Amino acid sequence: MSKLSKGRLLIVDDDKIFCHVLAKAMQKRGFDVIQAHGVEQAQELLDAQDFPSYAVVDLSMQGGLSGLVLVKFLRTISADIRIVVLTGFASIATAVEAIKLGATHYLSKPAHADEIISAFGKNIGNEAVKIVDQAASVRRLEWEHIQKVLLACDGNISAAARELGMHRRTLQRKLAKRPVKS
């Protein structure tokens, strides 16, 4: 386990069960946890309470703003906050954007509480990480492109669908599916 001093932790995920389970695990590890189930709710809670030292933010939340919006918001309020972005839909484009916007680290779900705590302490990359030399499939490239366009449209599905030249419902169906492996 990391030797970080414990403090206030904000967990934002639209999956209430996951959020609750992670909150309990982090409380057992000494964090003072506050939970939100969307970007807007998180922003409201932050106005009313002490600002957290740590945040775990889900990237893709249904029916609302992207977690990247919250990462940017958190970073503009505090340069010292340690932010870990979690996602079940990892893509290169969103990982790069999360880091550019101020996330400390980016992890794919499922992530264990100890992995998240370790990620809070990461300040530099790992040069020993394995490099996989494998071309991405056409379906994976499509997924990456959709994520890039969705990001450029600030998570607005209707605008992204127009940009991609497809019907909004078609895009929603594609987004509802789990991403394909490379």
N, C-alpha and C. Protein backbone atom coordinates (compact mmCIF):
# COMPACT_ATOMS: atom_id res chain seq x y z
N MET A 1 0.84 -1.17 0.00
CA MET A 1 0.00 0.00 0.00
C MET A 1 0.88 1.24 0.00
N SER A 2 0.43 2.28 -0.61
CA SER A 2 1.16 3.53 -0.74
C SER A 2 1.32 4.22 0.60
N LYS A 3 2.35 5.06 0.72
CA LYS A 3 2.58 5.81 1.94
C LYS A 3 2.03 7.22 1.85
N LEU A 4 1.05 7.44 1.00
CA LEU A 4 0.43 8.75 0.89
C LEU A 4 -0.34 9.06 2.16
N SER A 5 -0.33 10.34 2.56
CA SER A 5 -1.16 10.71 3.70
C SER A 5 -2.60 10.66 3.24
N LYS A 6 -3.45 10.14 4.10
CA LYS A 6 -4.86 10.03 3.73
C LYS A 6 -5.50 11.40 3.81
N GLY A 7 -6.59 11.56 3.11
CA GLY A 7 -7.30 12.83 3.10
C GLY A 7 -8.67 12.64 2.52
N ARG A 8 -9.28 13.72 2.10
CA ARG A 8 -10.62 13.70 1.51
C ARG A 8 -10.51 13.17 0.09
N LEU A 9 -11.41 12.23 -0.25
CA LEU A 9 -11.43 11.58 -1.56
C LEU A 9 -12.81 11.72 -2.17
N LEU A 10 -12.86 12.22 -3.38
CA LEU A 10 -14.10 12.32 -4.15
C LEU A 10 -14.15 11.15 -5.13
N ILE A 11 -15.24 10.38 -5.09
CA ILE A 11 -15.45 9.29 -6.05
C ILE A 11 -16.67 9.66 -6.88
N VAL A 12 -16.50 9.71 -8.21
CA VAL A 12 -17.60 10.06 -9.11
C VAL A 12 -17.77 8.95 -10.13
N ASP A 13 -18.91 8.26 -10.05
CA ASP A 13 -19.22 7.17 -10.97
C ASP A 13 -20.73 7.02 -11.02
N ASP A 14 -21.30 6.84 -12.21
CA ASP A 14 -22.74 6.69 -12.34
C ASP A 14 -23.22 5.30 -11.91
N ASP A 15 -22.30 4.37 -11.75
CA ASP A 15 -22.63 3.03 -11.25
C ASP A 15 -22.64 3.12 -9.72
N LYS A 16 -23.83 3.23 -9.14
CA LYS A 16 -23.96 3.47 -7.70
C LYS A 16 -23.38 2.32 -6.86
N ILE A 17 -23.54 1.10 -7.33
CA ILE A 17 -23.02 -0.04 -6.58
C ILE A 17 -21.50 -0.01 -6.58
N PHE A 18 -20.89 0.19 -7.75
CA PHE A 18 -19.42 0.28 -7.82
C PHE A 18 -18.92 1.42 -6.93
N CYS A 19 -19.58 2.55 -7.00
CA CYS A 19 -19.21 3.73 -6.23
C CYS A 19 -19.24 3.41 -4.73
N HIS A 20 -20.30 2.76 -4.29
CA HIS A 20 -20.46 2.41 -2.88
C HIS A 20 -19.38 1.42 -2.42
N VAL A 21 -19.14 0.40 -3.23
CA VAL A 21 -18.13 -0.61 -2.88
C VAL A 21 -16.74 0.03 -2.80
N LEU A 22 -16.40 0.85 -3.79
CA LEU A 22 -15.10 1.52 -3.78
C LEU A 22 -14.98 2.47 -2.60
N ALA A 23 -16.06 3.18 -2.29
CA ALA A 23 -16.05 4.10 -1.14
C ALA A 23 -15.76 3.35 0.15
N LYS A 24 -16.41 2.22 0.35
CA LYS A 24 -16.17 1.40 1.56
C LYS A 24 -14.72 0.94 1.63
N ALA A 25 -14.18 0.48 0.49
CA ALA A 25 -12.79 0.02 0.46
C ALA A 25 -11.82 1.15 0.78
N MET A 26 -12.10 2.34 0.26
CA MET A 26 -11.21 3.48 0.51
C MET A 26 -11.34 3.99 1.94
N GLN A 27 -12.54 3.92 2.50
CA GLN A 27 -12.72 4.30 3.90
C GLN A 27 -11.92 3.37 4.81
N LYS A 28 -11.90 2.08 4.49
CA LYS A 28 -11.11 1.12 5.27
C LYS A 28 -9.62 1.44 5.20
N ARG A 29 -9.21 2.12 4.15
CA ARG A 29 -7.80 2.49 3.97
C ARG A 29 -7.51 3.89 4.49
N GLY A 30 -8.47 4.49 5.18
CA GLY A 30 -8.22 5.74 5.86
C GLY A 30 -8.65 7.02 5.16
N PHE A 31 -9.36 6.93 4.05
CA PHE A 31 -9.80 8.12 3.33
C PHE A 31 -11.15 8.60 3.86
N ASP A 32 -11.37 9.89 3.85
CA ASP A 32 -12.66 10.50 4.13
C ASP A 32 -13.34 10.66 2.77
N VAL A 33 -14.33 9.82 2.48
CA VAL A 33 -14.88 9.70 1.14
C VAL A 33 -16.19 10.45 0.98
N ILE A 34 -16.31 11.18 -0.14
CA ILE A 34 -17.58 11.73 -0.58
C ILE A 34 -17.87 11.14 -1.96
N GLN A 35 -19.16 10.86 -2.23
CA GLN A 35 -19.54 10.21 -3.48
C GLN A 35 -20.48 11.09 -4.29
N ALA A 36 -20.35 11.00 -5.60
CA ALA A 36 -21.29 11.64 -6.52
C ALA A 36 -21.51 10.69 -7.68
N HIS A 37 -22.67 10.82 -8.32
CA HIS A 37 -23.02 9.90 -9.41
C HIS A 37 -23.14 10.61 -10.75
N GLY A 38 -22.52 11.76 -10.87
CA GLY A 38 -22.50 12.52 -12.11
C GLY A 38 -21.65 13.77 -11.92
N VAL A 39 -21.27 14.39 -13.03
CA VAL A 39 -20.41 15.57 -13.00
C VAL A 39 -21.10 16.72 -12.27
N GLU A 40 -22.36 16.98 -12.63
CA GLU A 40 -23.08 18.09 -12.01
C GLU A 40 -23.20 17.91 -10.51
N GLN A 41 -23.54 16.70 -10.06
CA GLN A 41 -23.68 16.42 -8.64
C GLN A 41 -22.34 16.62 -7.93
N ALA A 42 -21.26 16.18 -8.56
CA ALA A 42 -19.93 16.36 -7.96
C ALA A 42 -19.60 17.84 -7.79
N GLN A 43 -19.89 18.64 -8.82
CA GLN A 43 -19.62 20.07 -8.75
C GLN A 43 -20.44 20.73 -7.64
N GLU A 44 -21.69 20.31 -7.46
CA GLU A 44 -22.53 20.85 -6.39
C GLU A 44 -21.98 20.47 -5.02
N LEU A 45 -21.55 19.23 -4.86
CA LEU A 45 -20.99 18.80 -3.58
C LEU A 45 -19.72 19.56 -3.23
N LEU A 46 -18.92 19.84 -4.25
CA LEU A 46 -17.66 20.53 -4.00
C LEU A 46 -17.87 21.97 -3.57
N ASP A 47 -18.95 22.58 -3.99
CA ASP A 47 -19.24 23.94 -3.55
C ASP A 47 -19.58 23.97 -2.06
N ALA A 48 -20.19 22.89 -1.58
CA ALA A 48 -20.69 22.88 -0.21
C ALA A 48 -19.72 22.27 0.80
N GLN A 49 -18.68 21.58 0.36
CA GLN A 49 -17.80 20.87 1.28
C GLN A 49 -16.34 21.23 1.04
N ASP A 50 -15.50 20.79 1.96
CA ASP A 50 -14.06 21.00 1.79
C ASP A 50 -13.59 20.34 0.51
N PHE A 51 -12.64 20.97 -0.16
CA PHE A 51 -12.15 20.44 -1.43
C PHE A 51 -11.29 19.19 -1.18
N PRO A 52 -11.48 18.14 -1.98
CA PRO A 52 -10.73 16.89 -1.77
C PRO A 52 -9.27 17.00 -2.22
N SER A 53 -8.45 16.13 -1.65
CA SER A 53 -7.05 16.01 -2.05
C SER A 53 -6.91 14.99 -3.18
N TYR A 54 -7.90 14.09 -3.28
CA TYR A 54 -7.87 13.01 -4.25
C TYR A 54 -9.22 12.88 -4.92
N ALA A 55 -9.21 12.39 -6.17
CA ALA A 55 -10.47 12.13 -6.88
C ALA A 55 -10.32 10.90 -7.76
N VAL A 56 -11.36 10.10 -7.79
CA VAL A 56 -11.48 8.97 -8.72
C VAL A 56 -12.69 9.30 -9.58
N VAL A 57 -12.48 9.45 -10.88
CA VAL A 57 -13.52 9.92 -11.78
C VAL A 57 -13.74 8.91 -12.90
N ASP A 58 -14.99 8.47 -13.05
CA ASP A 58 -15.35 7.60 -14.16
C ASP A 58 -15.35 8.44 -15.44
N LEU A 59 -14.82 7.91 -16.50
CA LEU A 59 -14.74 8.64 -17.75
C LEU A 59 -16.10 8.82 -18.41
N SER A 60 -16.85 7.75 -18.53
CA SER A 60 -18.10 7.78 -19.29
C SER A 60 -19.28 7.59 -18.35
N MET A 61 -20.08 8.64 -18.20
CA MET A 61 -21.26 8.56 -17.35
C MET A 61 -22.50 8.77 -18.19
N GLN A 62 -23.49 7.91 -17.99
CA GLN A 62 -24.69 7.94 -18.82
C GLN A 62 -25.49 9.22 -18.62
N GLY A 63 -26.00 9.74 -19.72
CA GLY A 63 -26.91 10.85 -19.68
C GLY A 63 -26.34 12.17 -19.18
N GLY A 64 -25.04 12.29 -19.13
CA GLY A 64 -24.49 13.53 -18.61
C GLY A 64 -23.17 13.87 -19.24
N LEU A 65 -22.46 14.73 -18.55
CA LEU A 65 -21.16 15.18 -19.04
C LEU A 65 -20.10 14.11 -18.87
N SER A 66 -19.07 14.18 -19.68
CA SER A 66 -17.94 13.27 -19.59
C SER A 66 -17.14 13.54 -18.32
N GLY A 67 -16.52 12.50 -17.80
CA GLY A 67 -15.63 12.68 -16.66
C GLY A 67 -14.48 13.62 -16.95
N LEU A 68 -14.13 13.78 -18.23
CA LEU A 68 -13.05 14.70 -18.60
C LEU A 68 -13.41 16.14 -18.25
N VAL A 69 -14.68 16.47 -18.33
CA VAL A 69 -15.13 17.81 -17.94
C VAL A 69 -14.83 18.04 -16.46
N LEU A 70 -15.08 17.03 -15.65
CA LEU A 70 -14.82 17.13 -14.21
C LEU A 70 -13.32 17.19 -13.92
N VAL A 71 -12.52 16.43 -14.67
CA VAL A 71 -11.06 16.47 -14.48
C VAL A 71 -10.57 17.91 -14.69
N LYS A 72 -11.01 18.53 -15.76
CA LYS A 72 -10.60 19.90 -16.05
C LYS A 72 -11.07 20.85 -14.93
N PHE A 73 -12.31 20.70 -14.49
CA PHE A 73 -12.87 21.53 -13.42
C PHE A 73 -12.05 21.38 -12.13
N LEU A 74 -11.77 20.13 -11.74
CA LEU A 74 -11.01 19.88 -10.52
C LEU A 74 -9.62 20.49 -10.59
N ARG A 75 -8.98 20.33 -11.75
CA ARG A 75 -7.62 20.83 -11.92
C ARG A 75 -7.57 22.37 -11.89
N THR A 76 -8.60 23.03 -12.40
CA THR A 76 -8.59 24.49 -12.37
C THR A 76 -8.77 25.02 -10.95
N ILE A 77 -9.43 24.26 -10.09
CA ILE A 77 -9.63 24.69 -8.71
C ILE A 77 -8.41 24.38 -7.85
N SER A 78 -7.76 23.25 -8.10
CA SER A 78 -6.60 22.86 -7.30
C SER A 78 -5.51 22.24 -8.17
N ALA A 79 -4.34 22.81 -8.10
CA ALA A 79 -3.21 22.27 -8.85
C ALA A 79 -2.64 21.03 -8.16
N ASP A 80 -3.00 20.82 -6.89
CA ASP A 80 -2.42 19.73 -6.10
C ASP A 80 -3.26 18.46 -6.04
N ILE A 81 -4.50 18.52 -6.50
CA ILE A 81 -5.36 17.35 -6.41
C ILE A 81 -4.81 16.21 -7.27
N ARG A 82 -4.89 15.00 -6.74
CA ARG A 82 -4.43 13.79 -7.44
C ARG A 82 -5.67 13.12 -8.01
N ILE A 83 -5.75 13.02 -9.34
CA ILE A 83 -6.95 12.52 -10.02
C ILE A 83 -6.63 11.24 -10.78
N VAL A 84 -7.41 10.20 -10.52
CA VAL A 84 -7.30 8.96 -11.28
C VAL A 84 -8.60 8.80 -12.06
N VAL A 85 -8.47 8.63 -13.37
CA VAL A 85 -9.62 8.41 -14.24
C VAL A 85 -9.78 6.91 -14.44
N LEU A 86 -10.99 6.41 -14.19
CA LEU A 86 -11.31 5.00 -14.40
C LEU A 86 -12.24 4.87 -15.59
N THR A 87 -12.05 3.83 -16.36
CA THR A 87 -12.96 3.62 -17.48
C THR A 87 -13.06 2.15 -17.84
N GLY A 88 -14.24 1.77 -18.25
CA GLY A 88 -14.45 0.44 -18.80
C GLY A 88 -14.27 0.46 -20.30
N PHE A 89 -14.04 1.66 -20.87
CA PHE A 89 -13.95 1.85 -22.31
C PHE A 89 -12.64 2.56 -22.65
N ALA A 90 -11.54 1.95 -22.33
CA ALA A 90 -10.25 2.58 -22.53
C ALA A 90 -9.95 2.82 -24.01
N SER A 91 -9.43 4.00 -24.28
CA SER A 91 -8.95 4.29 -25.63
C SER A 91 -7.74 5.20 -25.50
N ILE A 92 -6.92 5.17 -26.51
CA ILE A 92 -5.71 5.99 -26.50
C ILE A 92 -6.08 7.47 -26.46
N ALA A 93 -7.06 7.86 -27.25
CA ALA A 93 -7.46 9.28 -27.32
C ALA A 93 -7.92 9.79 -25.96
N THR A 94 -8.76 9.04 -25.27
CA THR A 94 -9.26 9.52 -23.99
C THR A 94 -8.18 9.48 -22.92
N ALA A 95 -7.29 8.51 -22.97
CA ALA A 95 -6.18 8.46 -22.01
C ALA A 95 -5.29 9.69 -22.16
N VAL A 96 -4.96 10.02 -23.39
CA VAL A 96 -4.11 11.19 -23.65
C VAL A 96 -4.82 12.46 -23.18
N GLU A 97 -6.09 12.60 -23.50
CA GLU A 97 -6.83 13.80 -23.09
C GLU A 97 -6.95 13.90 -21.58
N ALA A 98 -7.19 12.78 -20.90
CA ALA A 98 -7.30 12.79 -19.45
C ALA A 98 -6.01 13.30 -18.81
N ILE A 99 -4.88 12.84 -19.30
CA ILE A 99 -3.60 13.28 -18.77
C ILE A 99 -3.35 14.75 -19.11
N LYS A 100 -3.66 15.15 -20.34
CA LYS A 100 -3.48 16.56 -20.73
C LYS A 100 -4.33 17.50 -19.87
N LEU A 101 -5.52 17.04 -19.50
CA LEU A 101 -6.43 17.87 -18.71
C LEU A 101 -6.07 17.88 -17.22
N GLY A 102 -5.13 17.03 -16.83
CA GLY A 102 -4.66 17.09 -15.45
C GLY A 102 -4.81 15.84 -14.62
N ALA A 103 -5.26 14.74 -15.21
CA ALA A 103 -5.35 13.50 -14.45
C ALA A 103 -3.95 13.02 -14.09
N THR A 104 -3.83 12.44 -12.91
CA THR A 104 -2.56 11.88 -12.47
C THR A 104 -2.29 10.55 -13.16
N HIS A 105 -3.37 9.77 -13.33
CA HIS A 105 -3.23 8.45 -13.94
C HIS A 105 -4.57 8.02 -14.53
N TYR A 106 -4.53 7.00 -15.36
CA TYR A 106 -5.70 6.50 -16.10
C TYR A 106 -5.69 4.99 -15.96
N LEU A 107 -6.75 4.41 -15.41
CA LEU A 107 -6.82 2.96 -15.22
C LEU A 107 -8.08 2.39 -15.85
N SER A 108 -7.97 1.18 -16.37
CA SER A 108 -9.13 0.48 -16.90
C SER A 108 -9.83 -0.25 -15.76
N LYS A 109 -11.17 -0.29 -15.84
CA LYS A 109 -11.94 -1.06 -14.87
C LYS A 109 -11.83 -2.53 -15.23
N PRO A 110 -11.89 -3.41 -14.33
CA PRO A 110 -12.01 -3.17 -12.90
C PRO A 110 -10.64 -2.84 -12.31
N ALA A 111 -10.62 -1.90 -11.40
CA ALA A 111 -9.38 -1.51 -10.71
C ALA A 111 -9.60 -1.71 -9.22
N HIS A 112 -8.65 -2.31 -8.57
CA HIS A 112 -8.71 -2.57 -7.14
C HIS A 112 -8.33 -1.30 -6.38
N ALA A 113 -8.83 -1.14 -5.18
CA ALA A 113 -8.55 0.05 -4.36
C ALA A 113 -7.05 0.29 -4.20
N ASP A 114 -6.27 -0.76 -4.01
CA ASP A 114 -4.82 -0.59 -3.85
C ASP A 114 -4.16 -0.11 -5.14
N GLU A 115 -4.68 -0.54 -6.30
CA GLU A 115 -4.17 -0.03 -7.58
C GLU A 115 -4.43 1.46 -7.71
N ILE A 116 -5.61 1.89 -7.28
CA ILE A 116 -5.97 3.30 -7.36
C ILE A 116 -5.08 4.11 -6.43
N ILE A 117 -4.87 3.63 -5.22
CA ILE A 117 -4.00 4.34 -4.27
C ILE A 117 -2.59 4.44 -4.83
N SER A 118 -2.11 3.37 -5.43
CA SER A 118 -0.79 3.39 -6.06
C SER A 118 -0.74 4.41 -7.20
N ALA A 119 -1.82 4.49 -7.98
CA ALA A 119 -1.88 5.43 -9.10
C ALA A 119 -1.86 6.88 -8.61
N PHE A 120 -2.42 7.16 -7.43
CA PHE A 120 -2.37 8.51 -6.88
C PHE A 120 -0.92 8.98 -6.70
N GLY A 121 -0.03 8.03 -6.40
CA GLY A 121 1.36 8.36 -6.14
C GLY A 121 2.25 8.43 -7.36
N LYS A 122 1.71 8.14 -8.53
CA LYS A 122 2.53 8.14 -9.76
C LYS A 122 2.79 9.57 -10.22
N ASN A 123 4.05 9.88 -10.39
CA ASN A 123 4.43 11.20 -10.88
C ASN A 123 5.10 11.14 -12.24
N ILE A 124 5.64 9.97 -12.56
CA ILE A 124 6.30 9.80 -13.85
C ILE A 124 5.83 8.49 -14.47
N GLY A 125 6.06 8.36 -15.75
CA GLY A 125 5.68 7.14 -16.45
C GLY A 125 6.63 5.99 -16.15
N ASN A 126 6.28 4.82 -16.63
CA ASN A 126 7.06 3.62 -16.42
C ASN A 126 7.70 3.22 -17.74
N GLU A 127 9.00 3.42 -17.85
CA GLU A 127 9.69 3.10 -19.10
C GLU A 127 9.82 1.60 -19.34
N ALA A 128 9.52 0.79 -18.32
CA ALA A 128 9.63 -0.66 -18.45
C ALA A 128 8.30 -1.31 -18.88
N VAL A 129 7.29 -0.51 -19.13
CA VAL A 129 6.00 -1.06 -19.53
C VAL A 129 6.16 -1.83 -20.85
N LYS A 130 5.43 -2.96 -20.96
CA LYS A 130 5.53 -3.78 -22.17
C LYS A 130 4.92 -3.06 -23.36
N ILE A 131 5.62 -3.09 -24.47
CA ILE A 131 5.12 -2.53 -25.72
C ILE A 131 4.63 -3.68 -26.57
N VAL A 132 3.36 -3.63 -26.92
CA VAL A 132 2.76 -4.68 -27.72
C VAL A 132 2.77 -4.22 -29.18
N ASP A 133 3.45 -4.99 -30.02
CA ASP A 133 3.56 -4.65 -31.43
C ASP A 133 2.51 -5.43 -32.21
N GLN A 134 1.28 -4.89 -32.17
CA GLN A 134 0.18 -5.57 -32.84
C GLN A 134 -0.72 -4.50 -33.46
N ALA A 135 -1.04 -4.67 -34.70
CA ALA A 135 -1.91 -3.71 -35.37
C ALA A 135 -3.33 -3.83 -34.82
N ALA A 136 -3.99 -2.69 -34.67
CA ALA A 136 -5.35 -2.68 -34.18
C ALA A 136 -6.30 -3.16 -35.27
N SER A 137 -7.39 -3.80 -34.84
CA SER A 137 -8.39 -4.26 -35.79
C SER A 137 -9.18 -3.07 -36.31
N VAL A 138 -9.90 -3.27 -37.39
CA VAL A 138 -10.73 -2.21 -37.97
C VAL A 138 -11.79 -1.78 -36.96
N ARG A 139 -12.39 -2.74 -36.25
CA ARG A 139 -13.40 -2.41 -35.24
C ARG A 139 -12.80 -1.59 -34.11
N ARG A 140 -11.57 -1.92 -33.70
CA ARG A 140 -10.92 -1.15 -32.65
C ARG A 140 -10.59 0.27 -33.14
N LEU A 141 -10.14 0.39 -34.39
CA LEU A 141 -9.86 1.71 -34.95
C LEU A 141 -11.14 2.56 -35.02
N GLU A 142 -12.26 1.91 -35.37
CA GLU A 142 -13.54 2.63 -35.38
C GLU A 142 -13.86 3.14 -33.98
N TRP A 143 -13.69 2.28 -32.98
CA TRP A 143 -13.96 2.67 -31.59
C TRP A 143 -13.08 3.86 -31.18
N GLU A 144 -11.81 3.81 -31.51
CA GLU A 144 -10.88 4.90 -31.18
C GLU A 144 -11.32 6.20 -31.86
N HIS A 145 -11.72 6.10 -33.14
CA HIS A 145 -12.15 7.30 -33.88
C HIS A 145 -13.42 7.90 -33.26
N ILE A 146 -14.36 7.05 -32.92
CA ILE A 146 -15.59 7.52 -32.29
C ILE A 146 -15.26 8.24 -30.98
N GLN A 147 -14.37 7.65 -30.18
CA GLN A 147 -13.99 8.28 -28.91
C GLN A 147 -13.33 9.64 -29.13
N LYS A 148 -12.50 9.72 -30.15
CA LYS A 148 -11.82 10.99 -30.46
C LYS A 148 -12.82 12.07 -30.86
N VAL A 149 -13.78 11.71 -31.71
CA VAL A 149 -14.79 12.67 -32.15
C VAL A 149 -15.70 13.05 -30.98
N LEU A 150 -16.09 12.08 -30.17
CA LEU A 150 -16.93 12.35 -29.00
C LEU A 150 -16.22 13.31 -28.05
N LEU A 151 -14.95 13.11 -27.89
CA LEU A 151 -14.15 14.00 -27.03
C LEU A 151 -14.11 15.41 -27.60
N ALA A 152 -13.94 15.52 -28.91
CA ALA A 152 -13.89 16.82 -29.57
C ALA A 152 -15.23 17.54 -29.45
N CYS A 153 -16.30 16.78 -29.29
CA CYS A 153 -17.64 17.37 -29.15
C CYS A 153 -18.05 17.49 -27.68
N ASP A 154 -17.07 17.43 -26.78
CA ASP A 154 -17.31 17.56 -25.34
C ASP A 154 -18.35 16.58 -24.81
N GLY A 155 -18.36 15.37 -25.34
CA GLY A 155 -19.27 14.33 -24.87
C GLY A 155 -20.69 14.44 -25.40
N ASN A 156 -20.95 15.38 -26.28
CA ASN A 156 -22.29 15.57 -26.83
C ASN A 156 -22.52 14.53 -27.93
N ILE A 157 -23.38 13.57 -27.65
CA ILE A 157 -23.61 12.46 -28.57
C ILE A 157 -24.24 12.93 -29.87
N SER A 158 -25.20 13.86 -29.79
CA SER A 158 -25.85 14.35 -31.01
C SER A 158 -24.85 15.05 -31.93
N ALA A 159 -24.00 15.89 -31.36
CA ALA A 159 -23.00 16.61 -32.17
C ALA A 159 -21.99 15.63 -32.75
N ALA A 160 -21.58 14.63 -31.96
CA ALA A 160 -20.63 13.64 -32.45
C ALA A 160 -21.24 12.83 -33.59
N ALA A 161 -22.51 12.47 -33.46
CA ALA A 161 -23.18 11.71 -34.52
C ALA A 161 -23.21 12.51 -35.82
N ARG A 162 -23.53 13.80 -35.71
CA ARG A 162 -23.51 14.65 -36.91
C ARG A 162 -22.12 14.69 -37.52
N GLU A 163 -21.10 14.83 -36.67
CA GLU A 163 -19.71 14.89 -37.14
C GLU A 163 -19.29 13.58 -37.82
N LEU A 164 -19.80 12.47 -37.30
CA LEU A 164 -19.45 11.16 -37.86
C LEU A 164 -20.34 10.77 -39.04
N GLY A 165 -21.40 11.54 -39.26
CA GLY A 165 -22.30 11.23 -40.37
C GLY A 165 -23.15 10.01 -40.12
N MET A 166 -23.57 9.81 -38.85
CA MET A 166 -24.42 8.68 -38.53
C MET A 166 -25.58 9.15 -37.65
N HIS A 167 -26.59 8.32 -37.57
CA HIS A 167 -27.74 8.64 -36.74
C HIS A 167 -27.33 8.57 -35.27
N ARG A 168 -27.93 9.43 -34.45
CA ARG A 168 -27.62 9.49 -33.02
C ARG A 168 -27.84 8.14 -32.34
N ARG A 169 -28.94 7.46 -32.67
CA ARG A 169 -29.21 6.16 -32.05
C ARG A 169 -28.18 5.11 -32.45
N THR A 170 -27.70 5.18 -33.67
CA THR A 170 -26.65 4.25 -34.10
C THR A 170 -25.40 4.47 -33.26
N LEU A 171 -25.05 5.73 -33.06
CA LEU A 171 -23.88 6.04 -32.24
C LEU A 171 -24.10 5.58 -30.80
N GLN A 172 -25.29 5.79 -30.26
CA GLN A 172 -25.57 5.34 -28.90
C GLN A 172 -25.44 3.82 -28.78
N ARG A 173 -25.90 3.08 -29.78
CA ARG A 173 -25.76 1.62 -29.76
C ARG A 173 -24.29 1.22 -29.78
N LYS A 174 -23.50 1.90 -30.60
CA LYS A 174 -22.07 1.58 -30.67
C LYS A 174 -21.39 1.89 -29.34
N LEU A 175 -21.78 2.99 -28.70
CA LEU A 175 -21.18 3.37 -27.42
C LEU A 175 -21.60 2.45 -26.29
N ALA A 176 -22.79 1.85 -26.40
CA ALA A 176 -23.29 0.96 -25.36
C ALA A 176 -22.55 -0.38 -25.35
N LYS A 177 -21.95 -0.74 -26.48
CA LYS A 177 -21.20 -1.98 -26.57
C LYS A 177 -19.83 -1.80 -25.92
N ARG A 178 -19.31 -2.87 -25.40
CA ARG A 178 -17.96 -2.82 -24.85
C ARG A 178 -16.97 -2.69 -26.00
N PRO A 179 -15.89 -1.96 -25.79
CA PRO A 179 -14.92 -1.81 -26.88
C PRO A 179 -14.28 -3.14 -27.22
N VAL A 180 -13.92 -3.29 -28.47
CA VAL A 180 -13.26 -4.52 -28.90
C VAL A 180 -11.80 -4.47 -28.51
N LYS A 181 -11.23 -5.63 -28.32
CA LYS A 181 -9.79 -5.72 -28.03
C LYS A 181 -9.02 -5.40 -29.29
N SER A 182 -7.82 -4.93 -29.14
CA SER A 182 -7.00 -4.57 -30.31
C SER A 182 -6.80 -5.72 -31.26
